């Protein structure tokens, strides 16, 4: 078996479905039906990824995210019936790496699992990210597209490098603005949109249909490394 995935969900049928699907894709699965048993399994077993429902019987899943983040950078995928943007934003701001709304497709979930596990596997790799024709060298502060250097402003570079340090992660508007512009600018989403569009103009093959910096409507952005 490969990576170990901890599934915390109080619905037996969902846990069974996830166990079968994840096992078929080569993952070892540990299950928990409550926040209490899930946190105990997290502390005892050190899984590689957590798939978490928010509607747990003994504690809201949002609190579980915060508790895990106190001691670990374990990738967390929220799997929930809550489809409101506020729930997504809160989960991601608390430290979740991704958010999938039930019902969901197996292919999509497996892609999200692979994407969430990928950064951990590459953590010790050189700080160079290659996505298609775009090469981002975080050590040398250089970006090239099809071998040609792309000239970025200081703030464009700050934004792109923040994306590049969190590839495949949904980053909320608030998180990006706080980290790149500072706490005083967490509500300046229009400002962020301008800079994202500028990066797309310089890096995307078709800025109107971005494949590199993609939008999660109402929530934030993700630097996507591919399927």
C-alpha atoms as a PDB file:
ATOM      1  CA  UNK A   1       0.000   0.000   0.000  1.00  0.00           C
ATOM      2  CA  UNK A   2       1.034   3.600  -0.540  1.00  0.00           C
ATOM      3  CA  UNK A   3       0.137   6.675   1.483  1.00  0.00           C
ATOM      4  CA  UNK A   4      -2.150   6.320   4.472  1.00  0.00           C
ATOM      5  CA  UNK A   5      -5.351   8.370   4.378  1.00  0.00           C
ATOM      6  CA  UNK A   6      -7.457   9.055   7.443  1.00  0.00           C
ATOM      7  CA  UNK A   7     -11.185   9.374   6.648  1.00  0.00           C
ATOM      8  CA  UNK A   8     -13.281  11.113   9.317  1.00  0.00           C
ATOM      9  CA  UNK A   9     -16.999  10.934   8.485  1.00  0.00           C
ATOM     10  CA  UNK A  10     -19.980   9.823  10.548  1.00  0.00           C
ATOM     11  CA  UNK A  11     -21.834   8.276   7.577  1.00  0.00           C
ATOM     12  CA  UNK A  12     -20.959   4.542   7.303  1.00  0.00           C
ATOM     13  CA  UNK A  13     -21.896   4.401   3.618  1.00  0.00           C
ATOM     14  CA  UNK A  14     -19.576   7.301   2.773  1.00  0.00           C
ATOM     15  CA  UNK A  15     -16.707   5.715   4.703  1.00  0.00           C
ATOM     16  CA  UNK A  16     -17.289   2.393   2.920  1.00  0.00           C
ATOM     17  CA  UNK A  17     -17.393   4.091  -0.473  1.00  0.00           C
ATOM     18  CA  UNK A  18     -14.190   6.017   0.260  1.00  0.00           C
ATOM     19  CA  UNK A  19     -12.439   2.928   1.638  1.00  0.00           C
ATOM     20  CA  UNK A  20     -13.207   0.950  -1.525  1.00  0.00           C
ATOM     21  CA  UNK A  21     -12.292   3.803  -3.874  1.00  0.00           C
ATOM     22  CA  UNK A  22      -9.081   4.797  -2.092  1.00  0.00           C
ATOM     23  CA  UNK A  23      -7.935   1.193  -1.633  1.00  0.00           C
ATOM     24  CA  UNK A  24      -8.512   0.512  -5.317  1.00  0.00           C
ATOM     25  CA  UNK A  25      -6.138   3.396  -6.060  1.00  0.00           C
ATOM     26  CA  UNK A  26      -3.402   2.019  -3.833  1.00  0.00           C
ATOM     27  CA  UNK A  27      -3.971   3.948  -0.611  1.00  0.00           C
ATOM     28  CA  UNK A  28      -4.150   2.534   2.906  1.00  0.00           C
ATOM     29  CA  UNK A  29      -7.263   3.766   4.718  1.00  0.00           C
ATOM     30  CA  UNK A  30      -7.976   4.436   8.388  1.00  0.00           C
ATOM     31  CA  UNK A  31     -11.544   5.344   9.389  1.00  0.00           C
ATOM     32  CA  UNK A  32     -13.113   7.341  12.205  1.00  0.00           C
ATOM     33  CA  UNK A  33     -16.775   8.206  12.801  1.00  0.00           C
ATOM     34  CA  UNK A  34     -16.307  11.237  15.055  1.00  0.00           C
ATOM     35  CA  UNK A  35     -13.955  14.127  15.723  1.00  0.00           C
ATOM     36  CA  UNK A  36     -12.727  12.513  18.939  1.00  0.00           C
ATOM     37  CA  UNK A  37     -11.755   9.203  17.337  1.00  0.00           C
ATOM     38  CA  UNK A  38     -10.432  11.021  14.291  1.00  0.00           C
ATOM     39  CA  UNK A  39      -8.104  13.249  16.297  1.00  0.00           C
ATOM     40  CA  UNK A  40      -6.940  10.238  18.303  1.00  0.00           C
ATOM     41  CA  UNK A  41      -6.120   8.394  15.068  1.00  0.00           C
ATOM     42  CA  UNK A  42      -4.353  11.482  13.705  1.00  0.00           C
ATOM     43  CA  UNK A  43      -2.112  11.683  16.783  1.00  0.00           C
ATOM     44  CA  UNK A  44      -1.433   7.945  16.986  1.00  0.00           C
ATOM     45  CA  UNK A  45      -0.922   7.052  13.334  1.00  0.00           C
ATOM     46  CA  UNK A  46       0.519  10.143  11.593  1.00  0.00           C
ATOM     47  CA  UNK A  47      -1.435   9.683   8.334  1.00  0.00           C
ATOM     48  CA  UNK A  48      -0.335  11.278   5.077  1.00  0.00           C
ATOM     49  CA  UNK A  49      -3.666  12.965   4.355  1.00  0.00           C
ATOM     50  CA  UNK A  50      -6.956  13.670   6.127  1.00  0.00           C
ATOM     51  CA  UNK A  51     -10.346  13.554   4.393  1.00  0.00           C
ATOM     52  CA  UNK A  52     -12.745  15.323   6.732  1.00  0.00           C
ATOM     53  CA  UNK A  53     -16.493  15.816   6.941  1.00  0.00           C
ATOM     54  CA  UNK A  54     -17.640  19.001   8.659  1.00  0.00           C
ATOM     55  CA  UNK A  55     -20.909  17.701  10.125  1.00  0.00           C
ATOM     56  CA  UNK A  56     -19.562  15.461  12.864  1.00  0.00           C
ATOM     57  CA  UNK A  57     -21.649  14.454  15.904  1.00  0.00           C
ATOM     58  CA  UNK A  58     -19.286  15.658  18.638  1.00  0.00           C
ATOM     59  CA  UNK A  59     -17.428  18.640  17.138  1.00  0.00           C
ATOM     60  CA  UNK A  60     -17.735  20.795  14.045  1.00  0.00           C
ATOM     61  CA  UNK A  61     -15.192  19.823  11.435  1.00  0.00           C
ATOM     62  CA  UNK A  62     -13.971  23.420  11.268  1.00  0.00           C
ATOM     63  CA  UNK A  63     -12.656  22.991  14.814  1.00  0.00           C
ATOM     64  CA  UNK A  64     -10.940  19.754  13.813  1.00  0.00           C
ATOM     65  CA  UNK A  65      -9.045  21.648  11.100  1.00  0.00           C
ATOM     66  CA  UNK A  66      -7.860  24.223  13.617  1.00  0.00           C
ATOM     67  CA  UNK A  67      -6.820  21.521  16.093  1.00  0.00           C
ATOM     68  CA  UNK A  68      -4.791  19.639  13.487  1.00  0.00           C
ATOM     69  CA  UNK A  69      -3.140  22.850  12.312  1.00  0.00           C
ATOM     70  CA  UNK A  70      -1.865  23.569  15.819  1.00  0.00           C
ATOM     71  CA  UNK A  71       0.721  20.808  15.394  1.00  0.00           C
ATOM     72  CA  UNK A  72       0.805  19.605  11.795  1.00  0.00           C
ATOM     73  CA  UNK A  73       0.868  20.622   8.134  1.00  0.00           C
ATOM     74  CA  UNK A  74      -0.943  17.401   7.200  1.00  0.00           C
ATOM     75  CA  UNK A  75      -2.889  17.915   3.938  1.00  0.00           C
ATOM     76  CA  UNK A  76      -6.619  18.199   4.636  1.00  0.00           C
ATOM     77  CA  UNK A  77      -9.412  17.723   2.114  1.00  0.00           C
ATOM     78  CA  UNK A  78     -12.849  18.714   3.360  1.00  0.00           C
ATOM     79  CA  UNK A  79     -15.672  16.552   1.999  1.00  0.00           C
ATOM     80  CA  UNK A  80     -18.979  18.147   2.930  1.00  0.00           C
ATOM     81  CA  UNK A  81     -22.582  18.765   1.896  1.00  0.00           C
ATOM     82  CA  UNK A  82     -22.084  22.411   2.877  1.00  0.00           C
ATOM     83  CA  UNK A  83     -21.812  24.212  -0.448  1.00  0.00           C
ATOM     84  CA  UNK A  84     -21.929  27.809   0.785  1.00  0.00           C
ATOM     85  CA  UNK A  85     -18.927  29.990  -0.027  1.00  0.00           C
ATOM     86  CA  UNK A  86     -18.664  31.070   3.607  1.00  0.00           C
ATOM     87  CA  UNK A  87     -18.137  27.467   4.721  1.00  0.00           C
ATOM     88  CA  UNK A  88     -15.496  26.923   2.038  1.00  0.00           C
ATOM     89  CA  UNK A  89     -13.669  30.133   2.885  1.00  0.00           C
ATOM     90  CA  UNK A  90     -13.698  29.401   6.613  1.00  0.00           C
ATOM     91  CA  UNK A  91     -12.332  25.874   6.113  1.00  0.00           C
ATOM     92  CA  UNK A  92      -9.577  27.071   3.784  1.00  0.00           C
ATOM     93  CA  UNK A  93      -8.678  30.002   6.016  1.00  0.00           C
ATOM     94  CA  UNK A  94      -8.409  27.615   8.965  1.00  0.00           C
ATOM     95  CA  UNK A  95      -5.901  25.569   6.991  1.00  0.00           C
ATOM     96  CA  UNK A  96      -7.709  23.044   4.788  1.00  0.00           C
ATOM     97  CA  UNK A  97      -5.935  22.401   1.499  1.00  0.00           C
ATOM     98  CA  UNK A  98      -9.014  21.639  -0.565  1.00  0.00           C
ATOM     99  CA  UNK A  99     -12.806  21.479  -0.369  1.00  0.00           C
ATOM    100  CA  UNK A 100     -15.043  19.022  -2.232  1.00  0.00           C
ATOM    101  CA  UNK A 101     -18.834  19.246  -2.070  1.00  0.00           C
ATOM    102  CA  UNK A 102     -20.956  16.099  -1.714  1.00  0.00           C
ATOM    103  CA  UNK A 103     -22.073  14.409  -3.904  1.00  0.00           C
ATOM    104  CA  UNK A 104     -18.765  14.056  -5.698  1.00  0.00           C
ATOM    105  CA  UNK A 105     -17.180  12.028  -8.485  1.00  0.00           C
ATOM    106  CA  UNK A 106     -14.488   9.460  -7.720  1.00  0.00           C
ATOM    107  CA  UNK A 107     -12.215  10.687 -10.524  1.00  0.00           C
ATOM    108  CA  UNK A 108     -12.358  14.254  -9.227  1.00  0.00           C
ATOM    109  CA  UNK A 109     -11.689  13.196  -5.651  1.00  0.00           C
ATOM    110  CA  UNK A 110      -8.710  11.039  -6.654  1.00  0.00           C
ATOM    111  CA  UNK A 111      -7.265  13.967  -8.599  1.00  0.00           C
ATOM    112  CA  UNK A 112      -7.644  16.166  -5.512  1.00  0.00           C
ATOM    113  CA  UNK A 113      -5.984  13.491  -3.356  1.00  0.00           C
ATOM    114  CA  UNK A 114      -3.034  13.216  -5.732  1.00  0.00           C
ATOM    115  CA  UNK A 115      -2.684  16.990  -5.865  1.00  0.00           C
ATOM    116  CA  UNK A 116      -2.764  17.327  -2.070  1.00  0.00           C
ATOM    117  CA  UNK A 117      -0.171  14.588  -1.578  1.00  0.00           C
ATOM    118  CA  UNK A 118       2.148  15.808  -4.332  1.00  0.00           C
ATOM    119  CA  UNK A 119       3.640  18.809  -2.487  1.00  0.00           C
ATOM    120  CA  UNK A 120       4.609  16.630   0.488  1.00  0.00           C
ATOM    121  CA  UNK A 121       6.430  14.201  -1.785  1.00  0.00           C
ATOM    122  CA  UNK A 122       8.324  17.069  -3.435  1.00  0.00           C
ATOM    123  CA  UNK A 123       9.061  19.054  -0.278  1.00  0.00           C
ATOM    124  CA  UNK A 124      12.832  18.507  -0.445  1.00  0.00           C
ATOM    125  CA  UNK A 125      13.090  19.139  -4.187  1.00  0.00           C
ATOM    126  CA  UNK A 126      14.888  22.239  -5.549  1.00  0.00           C
ATOM    127  CA  UNK A 127      12.708  25.328  -5.506  1.00  0.00           C
ATOM    128  CA  UNK A 128      11.987  25.205  -9.228  1.00  0.00           C
ATOM    129  CA  UNK A 129       8.455  24.620 -10.442  1.00  0.00           C
ATOM    130  CA  UNK A 130       7.839  23.676 -14.079  1.00  0.00           C
ATOM    131  CA  UNK A 131       4.257  23.758 -15.368  1.00  0.00           C
ATOM    132  CA  UNK A 132       3.959  23.279 -19.096  1.00  0.00           C
ATOM    133  CA  UNK A 133       6.010  25.992 -20.755  1.00  0.00           C
ATOM    134  CA  UNK A 134       6.338  28.038 -17.547  1.00  0.00           C
ATOM    135  CA  UNK A 135       9.371  27.629 -15.279  1.00  0.00           C
ATOM    136  CA  UNK A 136       9.386  29.358 -11.878  1.00  0.00           C
ATOM    137  CA  UNK A 137      12.770  29.442 -10.124  1.00  0.00           C
ATOM    138  CA  UNK A 138      12.137  30.537  -6.542  1.00  0.00           C
ATOM    139  CA  UNK A 139      15.849  30.545  -5.652  1.00  0.00           C
ATOM    140  CA  UNK A 140      16.995  32.734  -8.538  1.00  0.00           C
ATOM    141  CA  UNK A 141      13.779  34.804  -8.700  1.00  0.00           C
ATOM    142  CA  UNK A 142      13.407  34.091 -12.400  1.00  0.00           C
ATOM    143  CA  UNK A 143      10.328  33.142 -14.428  1.00  0.00           C
ATOM    144  CA  UNK A 144      10.537  31.908 -18.004  1.00  0.00           C
ATOM    145  CA  UNK A 145       7.904  30.952 -20.549  1.00  0.00           C
ATOM    146  CA  UNK A 146       8.968  28.781 -23.483  1.00  0.00           C
ATOM    147  CA  UNK A 147      12.562  29.552 -22.544  1.00  0.00           C
ATOM    148  CA  UNK A 148      12.120  33.337 -22.624  1.00  0.00           C
ATOM    149  CA  UNK A 149      12.399  35.325 -19.402  1.00  0.00           C
ATOM    150  CA  UNK A 150       9.137  36.937 -18.271  1.00  0.00           C
ATOM    151  CA  UNK A 151       9.556  40.339 -16.667  1.00  0.00           C
ATOM    152  CA  UNK A 152       7.376  40.797 -13.590  1.00  0.00           C
ATOM    153  CA  UNK A 153       6.913  43.721 -11.264  1.00  0.00           C
ATOM    154  CA  UNK A 154       7.921  43.199  -7.646  1.00  0.00           C
ATOM    155  CA  UNK A 155       4.331  42.690  -6.543  1.00  0.00           C
ATOM    156  CA  UNK A 156       3.578  40.340  -9.443  1.00  0.00           C
ATOM    157  CA  UNK A 157       6.578  38.253  -8.389  1.00  0.00           C
ATOM    158  CA  UNK A 158       5.488  38.282  -4.741  1.00  0.00           C
ATOM    159  CA  UNK A 159       2.067  37.020  -5.775  1.00  0.00           C
ATOM    160  CA  UNK A 160       3.363  34.367  -8.171  1.00  0.00           C
ATOM    161  CA  UNK A 161       5.953  33.081  -5.696  1.00  0.00           C
ATOM    162  CA  UNK A 162       3.262  32.740  -3.023  1.00  0.00           C
ATOM    163  CA  UNK A 163       1.180  30.667  -5.441  1.00  0.00           C
ATOM    164  CA  UNK A 164       4.262  28.630  -6.368  1.00  0.00           C
ATOM    165  CA  UNK A 165       5.020  27.788  -2.737  1.00  0.00           C
ATOM    166  CA  UNK A 166       1.499  26.343  -2.398  1.00  0.00           C
ATOM    167  CA  UNK A 167       0.865  24.573  -5.719  1.00  0.00           C
ATOM    168  CA  UNK A 168      -2.481  22.819  -6.159  1.00  0.00           C
ATOM    169  CA  UNK A 169      -3.829  24.404  -2.975  1.00  0.00           C
ATOM    170  CA  UNK A 170      -6.932  26.583  -2.996  1.00  0.00           C
ATOM    171  CA  UNK A 171      -5.816  29.890  -1.467  1.00  0.00           C
ATOM    172  CA  UNK A 172      -8.569  32.208  -0.293  1.00  0.00           C
ATOM    173  CA  UNK A 173      -8.645  35.872  -1.264  1.00  0.00           C
ATOM    174  CA  UNK A 174      -8.122  36.813   2.371  1.00  0.00           C
ATOM    175  CA  UNK A 175      -5.107  34.509   2.798  1.00  0.00           C
ATOM    176  CA  UNK A 176      -3.423  35.799  -0.362  1.00  0.00           C
ATOM    177  CA  UNK A 177      -4.028  39.448   0.441  1.00  0.00           C
ATOM    178  CA  UNK A 178      -2.809  39.050   4.018  1.00  0.00           C
ATOM    179  CA  UNK A 179       0.404  37.267   3.020  1.00  0.00           C
ATOM    180  CA  UNK A 180       1.284  39.303  -0.072  1.00  0.00           C
ATOM    181  CA  UNK A 181      -0.073  42.761   0.740  1.00  0.00           C
ATOM    182  CA  UNK A 182      -0.417  42.683   4.519  1.00  0.00           C
ATOM    183  CA  UNK A 183      -3.276  42.528   7.084  1.00  0.00           C
ATOM    184  CA  UNK A 184      -4.519  46.018   6.208  1.00  0.00           C
ATOM    185  CA  UNK A 185      -5.461  44.833   2.697  1.00  0.00           C
ATOM    186  CA  UNK A 186      -7.427  41.630   3.403  1.00  0.00           C
ATOM    187  CA  UNK A 187     -10.592  43.085   1.845  1.00  0.00           C
ATOM    188  CA  UNK A 188      -8.987  44.454  -1.338  1.00  0.00           C
ATOM    189  CA  UNK A 189     -10.224  41.656  -3.605  1.00  0.00           C
ATOM    190  CA  UNK A 190     -10.573  43.948  -6.631  1.00  0.00           C
ATOM    191  CA  UNK A 191      -6.885  44.844  -6.284  1.00  0.00           C
ATOM    192  CA  UNK A 192      -5.967  41.151  -6.173  1.00  0.00           C
ATOM    193  CA  UNK A 193      -8.049  40.467  -9.275  1.00  0.00           C
ATOM    194  CA  UNK A 194      -6.072  43.076 -11.222  1.00  0.00           C
ATOM    195  CA  UNK A 195      -2.739  41.433 -10.379  1.00  0.00           C
ATOM    196  CA  UNK A 196      -4.001  37.927 -11.111  1.00  0.00           C
ATOM    197  CA  UNK A 197      -5.166  39.125 -14.527  1.00  0.00           C
ATOM    198  CA  UNK A 198      -1.749  40.700 -15.146  1.00  0.00           C
ATOM    199  CA  UNK A 199      -0.014  37.405 -14.358  1.00  0.00           C
ATOM    200  CA  UNK A 200      -2.408  35.541 -16.626  1.00  0.00           C
ATOM    201  CA  UNK A 201      -1.672  37.942 -19.479  1.00  0.00           C
ATOM    202  CA  UNK A 202       2.036  37.189 -19.113  1.00  0.00           C
ATOM    203  CA  UNK A 203       1.944  33.443 -18.393  1.00  0.00           C
ATOM    204  CA  UNK A 204      -1.194  31.859 -19.848  1.00  0.00           C
ATOM    205  CA  UNK A 205      -1.636  30.717 -23.438  1.00  0.00           C
ATOM    206  CA  UNK A 206      -5.158  32.120 -23.270  1.00  0.00           C
ATOM    207  CA  UNK A 207      -5.689  34.520 -20.378  1.00  0.00           C
ATOM    208  CA  UNK A 208      -9.470  34.344 -20.877  1.00  0.00           C
ATOM    209  CA  UNK A 209      -9.356  30.581 -20.263  1.00  0.00           C
ATOM    210  CA  UNK A 210      -6.608  30.177 -17.659  1.00  0.00           C
ATOM    211  CA  UNK A 211      -5.115  26.754 -17.036  1.00  0.00           C
ATOM    212  CA  UNK A 212      -2.254  27.803 -14.734  1.00  0.00           C
ATOM    213  CA  UNK A 213      -3.852  30.208 -12.236  1.00  0.00           C
ATOM    214  CA  UNK A 214      -7.432  29.003 -11.911  1.00  0.00           C
ATOM    215  CA  UNK A 215     -10.330  30.572 -10.043  1.00  0.00           C
ATOM    216  CA  UNK A 216     -12.477  28.964  -7.378  1.00  0.00           C
ATOM    217  CA  UNK A 217     -15.461  31.342  -7.687  1.00  0.00           C
ATOM    218  CA  UNK A 218     -16.124  33.386  -4.584  1.00  0.00           C
ATOM    219  CA  UNK A 219     -13.318  31.650  -2.696  1.00  0.00           C
ATOM    220  CA  UNK A 220      -9.887  32.266  -4.184  1.00  0.00           C
ATOM    221  CA  UNK A 221      -7.266  30.944  -6.601  1.00  0.00           C
ATOM    222  CA  UNK A 222      -5.147  27.861  -7.198  1.00  0.00           C
ATOM    223  CA  UNK A 223      -1.844  27.431  -9.072  1.00  0.00           C
ATOM    224  CA  UNK A 224      -2.591  24.215 -10.931  1.00  0.00           C
ATOM    225  CA  UNK A 225       0.206  21.874 -11.897  1.00  0.00           C
ATOM    226  CA  UNK A 226      -1.914  19.666 -14.110  1.00  0.00           C
ATOM    227  CA  UNK A 227      -4.264  16.684 -13.836  1.00  0.00           C
END
